[in-house]
Amino acid sequence: MIQKHAIPILEFDDNPQAVIMPKHEGLDLHLPKKCVYAFLGEEIDCYAREVGADCVGEFVSATKTYPVYVVNYKGEEICLAQAPVGSAPAAQFMDWLIGYGVEQIISTGTCGVLADIEENAFLVPVRALRDEGASYHYVAPSRYMEIQPEAIAAIERVLEAKGIPYKEVITWTTDGFYRETAEKVAYRKEEGCAVVEMECSALAAVAQLRGVLWGELLFTADSLADLDQYDSRDWGSEAFEKALELCLEIASQI
């Protein structure tokens, strides 16, 4: 039933069925249960070529076609896909993957830091502030999305086993990359947000509605810690390869 509101984004319909469902194409596609869904750009395609992964399908959007791979990792099939940046396209593609069989998903990607955190550091978001639009179509309005404890535990087990330092953080998920004003950044820091990115709360909401497991491993890129001098640094480039390796290991151990 739809809950009407003067502000459209706060109108939520709890019916999981929609006019267009993720499997509306009726593809003969059966994906593995485990999936690494990563914001890593060319790193995904490069890795797929290196290991001879099978390209089993494609997600076709209006602007780009995203290959969907299946890799054999330690004797187990794992789905591997590049996630598009931004809450709406990332949520749509992940919902589609779930529709075709994915049930346990680990994501990874960069985040900007609001506090003084070094570049290429690994972080585990435990809560995401919902300052984007997609999540409100999947889960009733609330200020935060909580990340599933089972997913957090799986990520942290692997990091600890490999001796990789990490911190648990609250993240600010926003659609407005160019609207992170100084006052809003300060406000988010007061609320306890240590980092900012564009998808976490939306993907957590998709997972909640569809009843699947999802968690994310973030690594630090640019810095908003100094409000008078933005620093893009090197966009976390040194952590891309390692983040993918870690996510495959995490997925295999769920």
Protein backbone atom coordinates (compact mmCIF):
# COMPACT_ATOMS: atom_id res chain seq x y z
CA MET A 1 0.00 0.00 0.00
CA ILE A 2 1.28 3.42 -0.89
CA GLN A 3 1.91 5.92 1.89
CA LYS A 4 1.15 9.32 0.38
CA HIS A 5 3.09 12.44 1.31
CA ALA A 6 3.41 16.04 0.17
CA ILE A 7 7.03 15.33 -0.77
CA PRO A 8 7.08 12.63 -3.51
CA ILE A 9 10.37 11.00 -2.50
CA LEU A 10 8.80 10.18 0.89
CA GLU A 11 5.89 8.29 -0.70
CA PHE A 12 6.61 4.60 -0.24
CA ASP A 13 4.72 1.62 -1.64
CA ASP A 14 5.55 -1.58 0.24
CA ASN A 15 4.36 -3.84 -2.59
CA PRO A 16 7.48 -5.70 -3.86
CA GLN A 17 5.83 -6.21 -7.25
CA ALA A 18 6.24 -3.45 -9.85
CA VAL A 19 5.02 -2.88 -13.39
CA ILE A 20 8.55 -3.62 -14.67
CA MET A 21 10.36 -6.34 -12.74
CA PRO A 22 14.10 -7.12 -13.02
CA LYS A 23 13.44 -10.31 -15.02
CA HIS A 24 11.03 -8.71 -17.51
CA GLU A 25 13.36 -9.64 -20.39
CA GLY A 26 12.94 -13.34 -19.59
CA LEU A 27 16.58 -14.17 -20.28
CA ASP A 28 17.87 -17.73 -20.05
CA LEU A 29 20.41 -16.65 -17.44
CA HIS A 30 21.17 -18.45 -14.19
CA LEU A 31 23.81 -16.68 -12.12
CA PRO A 32 25.78 -18.11 -9.18
CA LYS A 33 24.50 -17.22 -5.71
CA LYS A 34 27.70 -15.42 -4.77
CA CYS A 35 28.63 -12.14 -6.41
CA VAL A 36 31.30 -9.44 -6.31
CA TYR A 37 29.66 -6.22 -7.47
CA ALA A 38 32.39 -3.62 -7.58
CA PHE A 39 32.95 0.04 -8.39
CA LEU A 40 36.38 -0.60 -9.87
CA GLY A 41 36.13 0.46 -13.51
CA GLU A 42 38.51 -1.32 -15.85
CA GLU A 43 39.89 -3.48 -13.03
CA ILE A 44 36.92 -5.83 -13.42
CA ASP A 45 37.39 -6.41 -17.16
CA CYS A 46 41.18 -6.73 -16.79
CA TYR A 47 40.84 -9.36 -14.09
CA ALA A 48 38.22 -11.25 -16.10
CA ARG A 49 40.58 -11.42 -19.09
CA GLU A 50 43.53 -12.49 -16.96
CA VAL A 51 41.72 -15.44 -15.38
CA GLY A 52 39.73 -16.43 -18.47
CA ALA A 53 36.35 -15.68 -16.90
CA ASP A 54 33.21 -16.53 -18.84
CA CYS A 55 31.07 -13.60 -19.97
CA VAL A 56 27.64 -15.14 -19.37
CA GLY A 57 25.42 -12.13 -20.01
CA GLU A 58 25.08 -8.38 -20.30
CA PHE A 59 23.15 -5.68 -18.51
CA VAL A 60 22.08 -3.19 -21.16
CA SER A 61 21.43 0.40 -20.12
CA ALA A 62 20.70 3.38 -22.36
CA THR A 63 24.29 4.58 -22.18
CA LYS A 64 26.44 1.50 -21.63
CA THR A 65 26.42 -2.28 -21.71
CA TYR A 66 27.89 -3.99 -18.64
CA PRO A 67 29.36 -7.49 -19.03
CA VAL A 68 28.46 -10.06 -16.41
CA TYR A 69 31.21 -12.59 -15.73
CA VAL A 70 31.44 -15.87 -13.87
CA VAL A 71 34.86 -16.66 -12.42
CA ASN A 72 36.12 -19.85 -10.82
CA TYR A 73 37.64 -18.83 -7.51
CA LYS A 74 39.10 -21.60 -5.39
CA GLY A 75 36.85 -24.13 -7.09
CA GLU A 76 33.66 -22.11 -6.66
CA GLU A 77 31.70 -20.08 -9.20
CA ILE A 78 31.33 -16.40 -8.34
CA CYS A 79 29.52 -13.77 -10.38
CA LEU A 80 31.58 -10.65 -11.10
CA ALA A 81 30.19 -7.36 -12.40
CA GLN A 82 31.25 -3.74 -12.63
CA ALA A 83 28.84 -1.49 -10.76
CA PRO A 84 27.89 1.87 -12.29
CA VAL A 85 28.53 4.95 -10.17
CA GLY A 86 25.46 6.54 -8.59
CA SER A 87 22.67 5.16 -6.44
CA ALA A 88 20.00 4.80 -9.14
CA PRO A 89 21.98 2.87 -11.81
CA ALA A 90 23.83 0.84 -9.18
CA ALA A 91 20.55 -0.18 -7.54
CA GLN A 92 18.95 -1.07 -10.87
CA PHE A 93 21.80 -3.31 -11.99
CA MET A 94 22.06 -5.05 -8.62
CA ASP A 95 18.30 -5.69 -8.58
CA TRP A 96 18.68 -7.25 -12.03
CA LEU A 97 21.52 -9.50 -10.82
CA ILE A 98 19.38 -10.63 -7.90
CA GLY A 99 16.53 -11.37 -10.27
CA TYR A 100 18.76 -13.81 -12.15
CA GLY A 101 19.99 -15.72 -9.12
CA VAL A 102 22.47 -13.70 -7.06
CA GLU A 103 21.86 -13.96 -3.28
CA GLN A 104 25.11 -13.05 -1.50
CA ILE A 105 26.80 -9.85 -2.67
CA ILE A 106 29.98 -8.09 -1.66
CA SER A 107 30.68 -4.64 -3.11
CA THR A 108 33.77 -2.48 -3.01
CA GLY A 109 34.69 1.00 -4.15
CA THR A 110 36.17 4.33 -3.22
CA CYS A 111 34.91 6.88 -0.74
CA GLY A 112 35.81 10.44 0.09
CA VAL A 113 36.95 11.13 3.63
CA LEU A 114 35.39 13.75 5.88
CA ALA A 115 37.86 13.09 8.68
CA ASP A 116 41.63 12.90 8.52
CA ILE A 117 42.05 9.37 7.10
CA GLU A 118 44.97 8.36 4.89
CA GLU A 119 44.43 7.39 1.25
CA ASN A 120 43.98 3.70 0.27
CA ALA A 121 42.82 2.73 3.77
CA PHE A 122 40.15 0.02 4.06
CA LEU A 123 36.90 0.78 5.87
CA VAL A 124 33.77 -1.20 6.68
CA PRO A 125 30.51 0.79 6.64
CA VAL A 126 28.07 -0.32 9.33
CA ARG A 127 25.45 2.38 8.73
CA ALA A 128 24.66 4.67 5.78
CA LEU A 129 22.89 8.03 5.93
CA ARG A 130 20.26 8.09 3.17
CA ASP A 131 20.89 11.31 1.24
CA GLU A 132 20.11 9.74 -2.15
CA GLY A 133 16.90 8.89 -3.96
CA ALA A 134 16.94 5.22 -4.94
CA SER A 135 16.68 3.72 -1.46
CA TYR A 136 13.34 5.43 -0.83
CA HIS A 137 11.76 3.30 -3.56
CA TYR A 138 12.88 0.09 -1.82
CA VAL A 139 12.55 0.76 1.92
CA ALA A 140 10.26 3.08 3.89
CA PRO A 141 11.79 6.48 4.75
CA SER A 142 14.29 6.58 7.59
CA ARG A 143 17.46 8.52 8.23
CA TYR A 144 19.80 5.54 7.98
CA MET A 145 20.20 2.12 6.44
CA GLU A 146 21.87 -0.40 8.71
CA ILE A 147 24.30 -2.81 7.05
CA GLN A 148 23.60 -6.48 7.75
CA PRO A 149 25.74 -7.84 10.63
CA GLU A 150 26.39 -11.11 8.78
CA ALA A 151 27.94 -9.22 5.87
CA ILE A 152 30.01 -7.01 8.16
CA ALA A 153 31.31 -10.09 10.00
CA ALA A 154 32.28 -11.83 6.74
CA ILE A 155 34.24 -8.79 5.56
CA GLU A 156 36.01 -8.30 8.88
CA ARG A 157 36.97 -11.98 9.22
CA VAL A 158 38.95 -11.83 6.00
CA LEU A 159 40.60 -8.49 6.81
CA GLU A 160 41.64 -9.76 10.23
CA ALA A 161 42.90 -13.08 8.87
CA LYS A 162 45.11 -11.20 6.41
CA GLY A 163 46.30 -8.70 9.01
CA ILE A 164 44.82 -5.74 7.14
CA PRO A 165 43.90 -2.82 9.41
CA TYR A 166 40.41 -1.36 9.02
CA LYS A 167 37.87 0.84 10.76
CA GLU A 168 34.11 0.59 11.01
CA VAL A 169 32.47 3.80 9.82
CA ILE A 170 29.17 5.55 9.24
CA THR A 171 28.99 6.72 5.63
CA TRP A 172 27.09 9.57 4.02
CA THR A 173 25.50 8.37 0.77
CA THR A 174 24.62 11.29 -1.48
CA ASP A 175 23.50 11.88 -5.07
CA GLY A 176 25.00 15.38 -5.10
CA PHE A 177 28.73 15.13 -5.76
CA TYR A 178 28.86 18.85 -6.58
CA ARG A 179 26.48 19.80 -3.74
CA GLU A 180 28.60 18.73 -0.79
CA THR A 181 28.60 22.22 0.72
CA ALA A 182 30.87 23.20 3.59
CA GLU A 183 27.95 23.52 5.98
CA LYS A 184 26.51 20.16 4.97
CA VAL A 185 29.90 18.42 5.30
CA ALA A 186 30.28 19.88 8.79
CA TYR A 187 26.76 18.75 9.67
CA ARG A 188 27.42 15.19 8.50
CA LYS A 189 30.63 15.08 10.53
CA GLU A 190 28.67 16.17 13.60
CA GLU A 191 26.32 13.23 12.97
CA GLY A 192 29.24 10.84 13.01
CA CYS A 193 29.82 10.31 9.28
CA ALA A 194 33.50 9.71 8.53
CA VAL A 195 33.23 9.18 4.76
CA VAL A 196 31.03 10.01 1.78
CA GLU A 197 30.10 7.98 -1.31
CA MET A 198 27.15 7.60 -3.69
CA GLU A 199 25.63 4.10 -3.41
CA CYS A 200 25.86 2.37 -0.02
CA SER A 201 22.43 3.18 1.41
CA ALA A 202 20.72 2.41 -1.90
CA LEU A 203 22.31 -1.03 -2.26
CA ALA A 204 21.52 -1.85 1.36
CA ALA A 205 17.89 -1.00 0.65
CA VAL A 206 17.74 -3.18 -2.47
CA ALA A 207 19.16 -6.08 -0.48
CA GLN A 208 16.62 -5.58 2.29
CA LEU A 209 13.60 -5.57 -0.04
CA ARG A 210 14.81 -8.57 -2.02
CA GLY A 211 15.90 -10.57 1.03
CA VAL A 212 19.54 -11.08 0.04
CA LEU A 213 22.86 -10.56 1.82
CA TRP A 214 24.88 -7.47 0.94
CA GLY A 215 27.86 -5.68 2.43
CA GLU A 216 30.59 -3.34 1.27
CA LEU A 217 34.33 -2.84 1.67
CA LEU A 218 35.24 0.80 1.10
CA PHE A 219 38.68 2.27 0.53
CA THR A 220 39.63 5.91 0.83
CA ALA A 221 40.21 8.21 -2.11
CA ASP A 222 39.71 12.00 -2.11
CA SER A 223 39.56 14.17 1.01
CA LEU A 224 37.08 16.78 2.22
CA ALA A 225 38.70 16.90 5.66
CA ASP A 226 39.96 20.44 5.02
CA LEU A 227 36.89 22.45 3.99
CA ASP A 228 39.07 25.25 2.65
CA GLN A 229 41.14 23.05 0.35
CA TYR A 230 39.62 20.01 -1.38
CA ASP A 231 42.18 17.30 -2.18
CA SER A 232 41.40 14.72 -4.86
CA ARG A 233 44.64 12.90 -3.98
CA ASP A 234 45.06 9.94 -6.39
CA TRP A 235 41.48 8.62 -6.13
CA GLY A 236 42.56 5.55 -4.18
CA SER A 237 44.18 4.03 -7.25
CA GLU A 238 46.67 1.93 -5.30
CA ALA A 239 43.90 -0.08 -3.60
CA PHE A 240 41.84 -1.15 -6.62
CA GLU A 241 43.56 -4.47 -7.28
CA LYS A 242 43.77 -5.39 -3.61
CA ALA A 243 40.10 -4.52 -3.03
CA LEU A 244 39.02 -6.92 -5.77
CA GLU A 245 41.20 -9.71 -4.37
CA LEU A 246 39.74 -9.18 -0.90
CA CYS A 247 36.15 -9.19 -2.14
CA LEU A 248 36.58 -12.47 -3.99
CA GLU A 249 37.99 -14.01 -0.81
CA ILE A 250 35.15 -12.57 1.28
CA ALA A 251 32.53 -13.86 -1.13
CA SER A 252 34.09 -17.32 -1.13
CA GLN A 253 33.95 -17.49 2.66
CA ILE A 254 30.35 -16.39 3.18
